[in-house]
Amino acid sequence: MKKYLNNKLSKNNLEKAFENEALCHVKYKLWSDKAKNDGYAEISHWYGEAAENELNHAKMWFDEMGESGSINEMLQESANDENHSAKMYLDFAAVAEDEGLDTLRDKFINVSMVENNHKDKFSSLHNRF
């Protein structure tokens, strides 16, 4: 958040706005797919349109925050994000195991492995630049 370092409230509001729009984009895209699969073309179309709008809003807030850096910076941040996610999912897996939710544990572990693969790819690309 390079542009608003001295504006804590606006910085926080932009982060929340971005997160909200990004979450709604994904949710509406998933609901569009479900509506389509269930035979509701009109509802699917509306969710798809709303999802695209939410993505545009997220991009606007992301750009406003000044979050797009150089390719090298983006690759490094992506590797760091994926590493954080991989560790987070392993923590989630441990909780699921403690609660006797073995199927959920296995899903968290599998996603952690995918996130590690993403981290390795981003790191490899970063090292080439």
N, C-alpha and C. Protein backbone atom coordinates (compact mmCIF):
# COMPACT_ATOMS: atom_id res chain seq x y z
N MET A 1 0.87 -1.17 0.00
CA MET A 1 0.00 0.00 0.00
C MET A 1 0.90 1.22 0.00
N LYS A 2 1.49 1.45 -1.11
CA LYS A 2 2.51 2.47 -1.22
C LYS A 2 1.97 3.90 -1.21
N LYS A 3 0.77 4.10 -1.74
CA LYS A 3 0.25 5.46 -1.90
C LYS A 3 -0.30 6.07 -0.62
N TYR A 4 -0.72 5.27 0.32
CA TYR A 4 -1.45 5.80 1.48
C TYR A 4 -0.76 5.46 2.80
N LEU A 5 0.56 5.53 2.82
CA LEU A 5 1.30 5.18 4.03
C LEU A 5 0.96 6.09 5.20
N ASN A 6 0.64 7.34 4.92
CA ASN A 6 0.35 8.31 5.99
C ASN A 6 -1.14 8.51 6.23
N ASN A 7 -1.97 7.70 5.62
CA ASN A 7 -3.42 7.82 5.75
C ASN A 7 -3.99 6.47 6.21
N LYS A 8 -3.84 6.18 7.49
CA LYS A 8 -4.18 4.85 7.99
C LYS A 8 -5.65 4.47 7.77
N LEU A 9 -6.56 5.39 8.00
CA LEU A 9 -7.97 5.06 7.84
C LEU A 9 -8.32 4.79 6.37
N SER A 10 -7.84 5.63 5.48
CA SER A 10 -8.11 5.42 4.05
C SER A 10 -7.41 4.16 3.56
N LYS A 11 -6.21 3.91 4.03
CA LYS A 11 -5.49 2.68 3.68
C LYS A 11 -6.30 1.47 4.10
N ASN A 12 -6.79 1.48 5.32
CA ASN A 12 -7.61 0.38 5.83
C ASN A 12 -8.89 0.23 5.03
N ASN A 13 -9.53 1.33 4.71
CA ASN A 13 -10.77 1.28 3.92
C ASN A 13 -10.52 0.71 2.53
N LEU A 14 -9.42 1.11 1.90
CA LEU A 14 -9.09 0.56 0.58
C LEU A 14 -8.83 -0.94 0.63
N GLU A 15 -8.13 -1.39 1.67
CA GLU A 15 -7.87 -2.82 1.82
C GLU A 15 -9.18 -3.59 1.97
N LYS A 16 -10.07 -3.07 2.80
CA LYS A 16 -11.37 -3.72 3.00
C LYS A 16 -12.20 -3.71 1.72
N ALA A 17 -12.18 -2.59 1.00
CA ALA A 17 -12.93 -2.50 -0.25
C ALA A 17 -12.41 -3.53 -1.26
N PHE A 18 -11.10 -3.63 -1.39
CA PHE A 18 -10.50 -4.60 -2.30
C PHE A 18 -10.89 -6.03 -1.91
N GLU A 19 -10.73 -6.36 -0.65
CA GLU A 19 -11.06 -7.71 -0.18
C GLU A 19 -12.53 -8.04 -0.43
N ASN A 20 -13.42 -7.09 -0.17
CA ASN A 20 -14.85 -7.31 -0.37
C ASN A 20 -15.15 -7.56 -1.84
N GLU A 21 -14.62 -6.72 -2.71
CA GLU A 21 -14.88 -6.88 -4.15
C GLU A 21 -14.31 -8.19 -4.68
N ALA A 22 -13.11 -8.53 -4.23
CA ALA A 22 -12.49 -9.78 -4.68
C ALA A 22 -13.30 -11.00 -4.22
N LEU A 23 -13.75 -10.97 -2.97
CA LEU A 23 -14.56 -12.06 -2.45
C LEU A 23 -15.88 -12.17 -3.21
N CYS A 24 -16.54 -11.05 -3.43
CA CYS A 24 -17.81 -11.08 -4.16
C CYS A 24 -17.61 -11.56 -5.59
N HIS A 25 -16.52 -11.18 -6.22
CA HIS A 25 -16.24 -11.64 -7.58
C HIS A 25 -16.21 -13.17 -7.63
N VAL A 26 -15.45 -13.75 -6.73
CA VAL A 26 -15.31 -15.22 -6.72
C VAL A 26 -16.65 -15.87 -6.39
N LYS A 27 -17.32 -15.36 -5.37
CA LYS A 27 -18.60 -15.94 -4.96
C LYS A 27 -19.62 -15.87 -6.10
N TYR A 28 -19.73 -14.72 -6.74
CA TYR A 28 -20.70 -14.57 -7.82
C TYR A 28 -20.34 -15.43 -9.03
N LYS A 29 -19.05 -15.59 -9.29
CA LYS A 29 -18.63 -16.46 -10.39
C LYS A 29 -19.04 -17.90 -10.09
N LEU A 30 -18.81 -18.34 -8.88
CA LEU A 30 -19.20 -19.70 -8.48
C LEU A 30 -20.71 -19.87 -8.55
N TRP A 31 -21.46 -18.86 -8.09
CA TRP A 31 -22.92 -18.94 -8.13
C TRP A 31 -23.45 -18.88 -9.57
N SER A 32 -22.75 -18.14 -10.42
CA SER A 32 -23.12 -18.12 -11.84
C SER A 32 -22.98 -19.51 -12.43
N ASP A 33 -21.87 -20.17 -12.13
CA ASP A 33 -21.65 -21.53 -12.63
C ASP A 33 -22.71 -22.49 -12.11
N LYS A 34 -23.05 -22.37 -10.83
CA LYS A 34 -24.07 -23.25 -10.25
C LYS A 34 -25.42 -23.00 -10.89
N ALA A 35 -25.81 -21.74 -11.04
CA ALA A 35 -27.09 -21.42 -11.67
C ALA A 35 -27.13 -21.98 -13.09
N LYS A 36 -26.04 -21.84 -13.82
CA LYS A 36 -25.98 -22.38 -15.19
C LYS A 36 -26.15 -23.89 -15.17
N ASN A 37 -25.43 -24.57 -14.28
CA ASN A 37 -25.53 -26.03 -14.18
C ASN A 37 -26.92 -26.49 -13.75
N ASP A 38 -27.61 -25.65 -12.99
CA ASP A 38 -28.97 -25.98 -12.53
C ASP A 38 -30.04 -25.57 -13.54
N GLY A 39 -29.62 -24.99 -14.67
CA GLY A 39 -30.56 -24.64 -15.73
C GLY A 39 -31.18 -23.26 -15.63
N TYR A 40 -30.58 -22.37 -14.86
CA TYR A 40 -31.10 -21.02 -14.70
C TYR A 40 -30.22 -20.03 -15.46
N ALA A 41 -30.39 -19.98 -16.76
CA ALA A 41 -29.52 -19.17 -17.62
C ALA A 41 -29.58 -17.68 -17.28
N GLU A 42 -30.78 -17.16 -17.03
CA GLU A 42 -30.90 -15.73 -16.74
C GLU A 42 -30.18 -15.38 -15.43
N ILE A 43 -30.36 -16.20 -14.42
CA ILE A 43 -29.70 -15.95 -13.13
C ILE A 43 -28.19 -16.10 -13.30
N SER A 44 -27.76 -17.09 -14.04
CA SER A 44 -26.34 -17.28 -14.32
C SER A 44 -25.75 -16.06 -15.00
N HIS A 45 -26.49 -15.55 -16.00
CA HIS A 45 -26.01 -14.37 -16.72
C HIS A 45 -25.85 -13.18 -15.77
N TRP A 46 -26.85 -12.95 -14.91
CA TRP A 46 -26.78 -11.82 -13.99
C TRP A 46 -25.61 -11.96 -13.02
N TYR A 47 -25.43 -13.16 -12.46
CA TYR A 47 -24.28 -13.37 -11.57
C TYR A 47 -22.96 -13.17 -12.30
N GLY A 48 -22.91 -13.62 -13.55
CA GLY A 48 -21.69 -13.42 -14.34
C GLY A 48 -21.39 -11.96 -14.58
N GLU A 49 -22.43 -11.19 -14.88
CA GLU A 49 -22.27 -9.75 -15.09
C GLU A 49 -21.84 -9.06 -13.80
N ALA A 50 -22.48 -9.42 -12.70
CA ALA A 50 -22.11 -8.83 -11.41
C ALA A 50 -20.68 -9.22 -11.03
N ALA A 51 -20.29 -10.47 -11.29
CA ALA A 51 -18.93 -10.92 -10.99
C ALA A 51 -17.90 -10.08 -11.75
N GLU A 52 -18.19 -9.80 -13.01
CA GLU A 52 -17.27 -8.99 -13.81
C GLU A 52 -17.18 -7.57 -13.26
N ASN A 53 -18.31 -7.00 -12.84
CA ASN A 53 -18.30 -5.67 -12.22
C ASN A 53 -17.46 -5.67 -10.95
N GLU A 54 -17.63 -6.71 -10.13
CA GLU A 54 -16.87 -6.78 -8.88
C GLU A 54 -15.37 -6.88 -9.16
N LEU A 55 -15.00 -7.63 -10.20
CA LEU A 55 -13.59 -7.73 -10.57
C LEU A 55 -13.06 -6.36 -10.99
N ASN A 56 -13.83 -5.62 -11.75
CA ASN A 56 -13.41 -4.28 -12.15
C ASN A 56 -13.26 -3.35 -10.94
N HIS A 57 -14.16 -3.49 -9.97
CA HIS A 57 -14.04 -2.68 -8.75
C HIS A 57 -12.77 -3.07 -7.98
N ALA A 58 -12.53 -4.37 -7.86
CA ALA A 58 -11.33 -4.84 -7.16
C ALA A 58 -10.07 -4.30 -7.84
N LYS A 59 -10.05 -4.33 -9.17
CA LYS A 59 -8.89 -3.81 -9.90
C LYS A 59 -8.73 -2.31 -9.63
N MET A 60 -9.82 -1.58 -9.60
CA MET A 60 -9.75 -0.15 -9.33
C MET A 60 -9.12 0.11 -7.97
N TRP A 61 -9.57 -0.61 -6.93
CA TRP A 61 -9.02 -0.41 -5.59
C TRP A 61 -7.57 -0.88 -5.52
N PHE A 62 -7.26 -1.98 -6.19
CA PHE A 62 -5.89 -2.50 -6.21
C PHE A 62 -4.95 -1.47 -6.84
N ASP A 63 -5.37 -0.91 -7.97
CA ASP A 63 -4.57 0.12 -8.62
C ASP A 63 -4.45 1.36 -7.74
N GLU A 64 -5.53 1.75 -7.09
CA GLU A 64 -5.51 2.92 -6.21
C GLU A 64 -4.52 2.74 -5.06
N MET A 65 -4.39 1.49 -4.59
CA MET A 65 -3.46 1.20 -3.50
C MET A 65 -2.02 1.19 -3.97
N GLY A 66 -1.80 1.17 -5.29
CA GLY A 66 -0.44 1.14 -5.81
C GLY A 66 0.24 -0.21 -5.61
N GLU A 67 -0.55 -1.28 -5.66
CA GLU A 67 -0.03 -2.61 -5.36
C GLU A 67 0.68 -3.30 -6.52
N SER A 68 0.51 -2.82 -7.74
CA SER A 68 1.19 -3.45 -8.86
C SER A 68 2.58 -2.86 -9.00
N GLY A 69 3.57 -3.71 -8.77
CA GLY A 69 4.95 -3.26 -8.90
C GLY A 69 5.57 -3.83 -10.15
N SER A 70 6.88 -3.97 -10.13
CA SER A 70 7.59 -4.57 -11.26
C SER A 70 7.29 -6.06 -11.28
N ILE A 71 7.58 -6.69 -12.40
CA ILE A 71 7.40 -8.14 -12.50
C ILE A 71 8.20 -8.84 -11.41
N ASN A 72 9.42 -8.39 -11.18
CA ASN A 72 10.26 -8.99 -10.16
C ASN A 72 9.62 -8.87 -8.77
N GLU A 73 9.08 -7.68 -8.45
CA GLU A 73 8.43 -7.48 -7.16
C GLU A 73 7.17 -8.34 -7.04
N MET A 74 6.41 -8.43 -8.12
CA MET A 74 5.18 -9.23 -8.09
C MET A 74 5.50 -10.71 -7.90
N LEU A 75 6.55 -11.21 -8.58
CA LEU A 75 6.92 -12.62 -8.43
C LEU A 75 7.38 -12.91 -7.00
N GLN A 76 8.18 -12.01 -6.43
CA GLN A 76 8.64 -12.21 -5.05
C GLN A 76 7.47 -12.20 -4.07
N GLU A 77 6.58 -11.24 -4.23
CA GLU A 77 5.42 -11.18 -3.33
C GLU A 77 4.53 -12.42 -3.50
N SER A 78 4.37 -12.87 -4.74
CA SER A 78 3.55 -14.06 -4.99
C SER A 78 4.16 -15.29 -4.32
N ALA A 79 5.47 -15.44 -4.43
CA ALA A 79 6.13 -16.57 -3.76
C ALA A 79 5.93 -16.49 -2.25
N ASN A 80 6.05 -15.29 -1.69
CA ASN A 80 5.84 -15.12 -0.25
C ASN A 80 4.39 -15.43 0.14
N ASP A 81 3.44 -14.96 -0.67
CA ASP A 81 2.03 -15.21 -0.39
C ASP A 81 1.73 -16.71 -0.42
N GLU A 82 2.25 -17.40 -1.43
CA GLU A 82 2.00 -18.83 -1.57
C GLU A 82 2.64 -19.61 -0.42
N ASN A 83 3.83 -19.19 0.00
CA ASN A 83 4.48 -19.83 1.14
C ASN A 83 3.64 -19.65 2.40
N HIS A 84 3.14 -18.44 2.60
CA HIS A 84 2.27 -18.17 3.76
C HIS A 84 1.01 -19.04 3.70
N SER A 85 0.40 -19.13 2.52
CA SER A 85 -0.81 -19.93 2.37
C SER A 85 -0.54 -21.40 2.64
N ALA A 86 0.57 -21.91 2.13
CA ALA A 86 0.90 -23.33 2.34
C ALA A 86 1.01 -23.64 3.83
N LYS A 87 1.68 -22.76 4.57
CA LYS A 87 1.82 -22.96 6.02
C LYS A 87 0.47 -22.83 6.71
N MET A 88 -0.33 -21.87 6.29
CA MET A 88 -1.66 -21.66 6.89
C MET A 88 -2.51 -22.92 6.73
N TYR A 89 -2.50 -23.52 5.52
CA TYR A 89 -3.30 -24.71 5.28
C TYR A 89 -2.83 -25.89 6.13
N LEU A 90 -1.53 -25.99 6.38
CA LEU A 90 -1.06 -27.05 7.26
C LEU A 90 -1.55 -26.83 8.69
N ASP A 91 -1.60 -25.57 9.13
CA ASP A 91 -2.17 -25.26 10.44
C ASP A 91 -3.65 -25.64 10.48
N PHE A 92 -4.38 -25.32 9.42
CA PHE A 92 -5.79 -25.68 9.33
C PHE A 92 -5.96 -27.19 9.35
N ALA A 93 -5.06 -27.90 8.69
CA ALA A 93 -5.13 -29.37 8.66
C ALA A 93 -4.96 -29.95 10.06
N ALA A 94 -4.06 -29.37 10.83
CA ALA A 94 -3.84 -29.85 12.20
C ALA A 94 -5.10 -29.67 13.04
N VAL A 95 -5.77 -28.53 12.89
CA VAL A 95 -7.01 -28.28 13.62
C VAL A 95 -8.09 -29.27 13.19
N ALA A 96 -8.22 -29.48 11.90
CA ALA A 96 -9.22 -30.42 11.40
C ALA A 96 -8.94 -31.82 11.94
N GLU A 97 -7.68 -32.20 11.98
CA GLU A 97 -7.33 -33.52 12.52
C GLU A 97 -7.69 -33.62 14.00
N ASP A 98 -7.38 -32.57 14.76
CA ASP A 98 -7.73 -32.55 16.19
C ASP A 98 -9.24 -32.68 16.39
N GLU A 99 -10.01 -32.17 15.45
CA GLU A 99 -11.47 -32.24 15.55
C GLU A 99 -12.04 -33.50 14.89
N GLY A 100 -11.16 -34.40 14.46
CA GLY A 100 -11.61 -35.66 13.87
C GLY A 100 -12.16 -35.53 12.46
N LEU A 101 -11.80 -34.48 11.76
CA LEU A 101 -12.30 -34.23 10.41
C LEU A 101 -11.22 -34.61 9.39
N ASP A 102 -11.04 -35.92 9.21
CA ASP A 102 -9.94 -36.41 8.38
C ASP A 102 -10.07 -36.01 6.91
N THR A 103 -11.28 -36.01 6.38
CA THR A 103 -11.46 -35.63 4.97
C THR A 103 -11.10 -34.16 4.77
N LEU A 104 -11.52 -33.31 5.69
CA LEU A 104 -11.18 -31.89 5.62
C LEU A 104 -9.67 -31.71 5.79
N ARG A 105 -9.08 -32.44 6.71
CA ARG A 105 -7.63 -32.38 6.91
C ARG A 105 -6.90 -32.69 5.61
N ASP A 106 -7.32 -33.76 4.94
CA ASP A 106 -6.67 -34.15 3.69
C ASP A 106 -6.82 -33.08 2.61
N LYS A 107 -7.96 -32.42 2.56
CA LYS A 107 -8.15 -31.34 1.58
C LYS A 107 -7.20 -30.18 1.87
N PHE A 108 -7.08 -29.81 3.15
CA PHE A 108 -6.15 -28.74 3.52
C PHE A 108 -4.71 -29.12 3.16
N ILE A 109 -4.33 -30.36 3.42
CA ILE A 109 -2.97 -30.81 3.09
C ILE A 109 -2.74 -30.77 1.59
N ASN A 110 -3.72 -31.25 0.82
CA ASN A 110 -3.57 -31.24 -0.63
C ASN A 110 -3.43 -29.83 -1.18
N VAL A 111 -4.23 -28.90 -0.67
CA VAL A 111 -4.14 -27.52 -1.13
C VAL A 111 -2.80 -26.91 -0.71
N SER A 112 -2.31 -27.27 0.46
CA SER A 112 -1.00 -26.80 0.90
C SER A 112 0.09 -27.22 -0.09
N MET A 113 -0.01 -28.46 -0.56
CA MET A 113 0.97 -28.95 -1.53
C MET A 113 0.90 -28.17 -2.84
N VAL A 114 -0.32 -27.85 -3.28
CA VAL A 114 -0.48 -27.05 -4.50
C VAL A 114 0.11 -25.66 -4.30
N GLU A 115 -0.16 -25.08 -3.14
CA GLU A 115 0.38 -23.74 -2.84
C GLU A 115 1.91 -23.77 -2.84
N ASN A 116 2.49 -24.84 -2.32
CA ASN A 116 3.95 -24.97 -2.36
C ASN A 116 4.46 -25.06 -3.79
N ASN A 117 3.72 -25.75 -4.64
CA ASN A 117 4.10 -25.81 -6.06
C ASN A 117 4.04 -24.42 -6.69
N HIS A 118 3.01 -23.66 -6.34
CA HIS A 118 2.91 -22.29 -6.84
C HIS A 118 4.11 -21.47 -6.36
N LYS A 119 4.42 -21.60 -5.08
CA LYS A 119 5.56 -20.86 -4.50
C LYS A 119 6.83 -21.20 -5.25
N ASP A 120 7.06 -22.50 -5.50
CA ASP A 120 8.27 -22.92 -6.21
C ASP A 120 8.32 -22.33 -7.62
N LYS A 121 7.19 -22.31 -8.31
CA LYS A 121 7.16 -21.76 -9.67
C LYS A 121 7.43 -20.27 -9.65
N PHE A 122 6.75 -19.54 -8.75
CA PHE A 122 6.98 -18.10 -8.66
C PHE A 122 8.43 -17.80 -8.28
N SER A 123 9.00 -18.58 -7.36
CA SER A 123 10.39 -18.39 -6.95
C SER A 123 11.34 -18.64 -8.12
N SER A 124 11.05 -19.69 -8.87
CA SER A 124 11.88 -20.01 -10.03
C SER A 124 11.83 -18.88 -11.06
N LEU A 125 10.63 -18.38 -11.32
CA LEU A 125 10.50 -17.27 -12.26
C LEU A 125 11.18 -16.02 -11.73
N HIS A 126 11.05 -15.77 -10.43
CA HIS A 126 11.68 -14.61 -9.81
C HIS A 126 13.20 -14.68 -9.96
N ASN A 127 13.76 -15.86 -9.78
CA ASN A 127 15.20 -16.04 -9.86
C ASN A 127 15.73 -15.82 -11.28
N ARG A 128 14.87 -15.93 -12.28
CA ARG A 128 15.29 -15.70 -13.67
C ARG A 128 15.35 -14.23 -14.02
N PHE A 129 14.78 -13.36 -13.18
CA PHE A 129 14.73 -11.93 -13.49
C PHE A 129 15.73 -11.16 -12.67
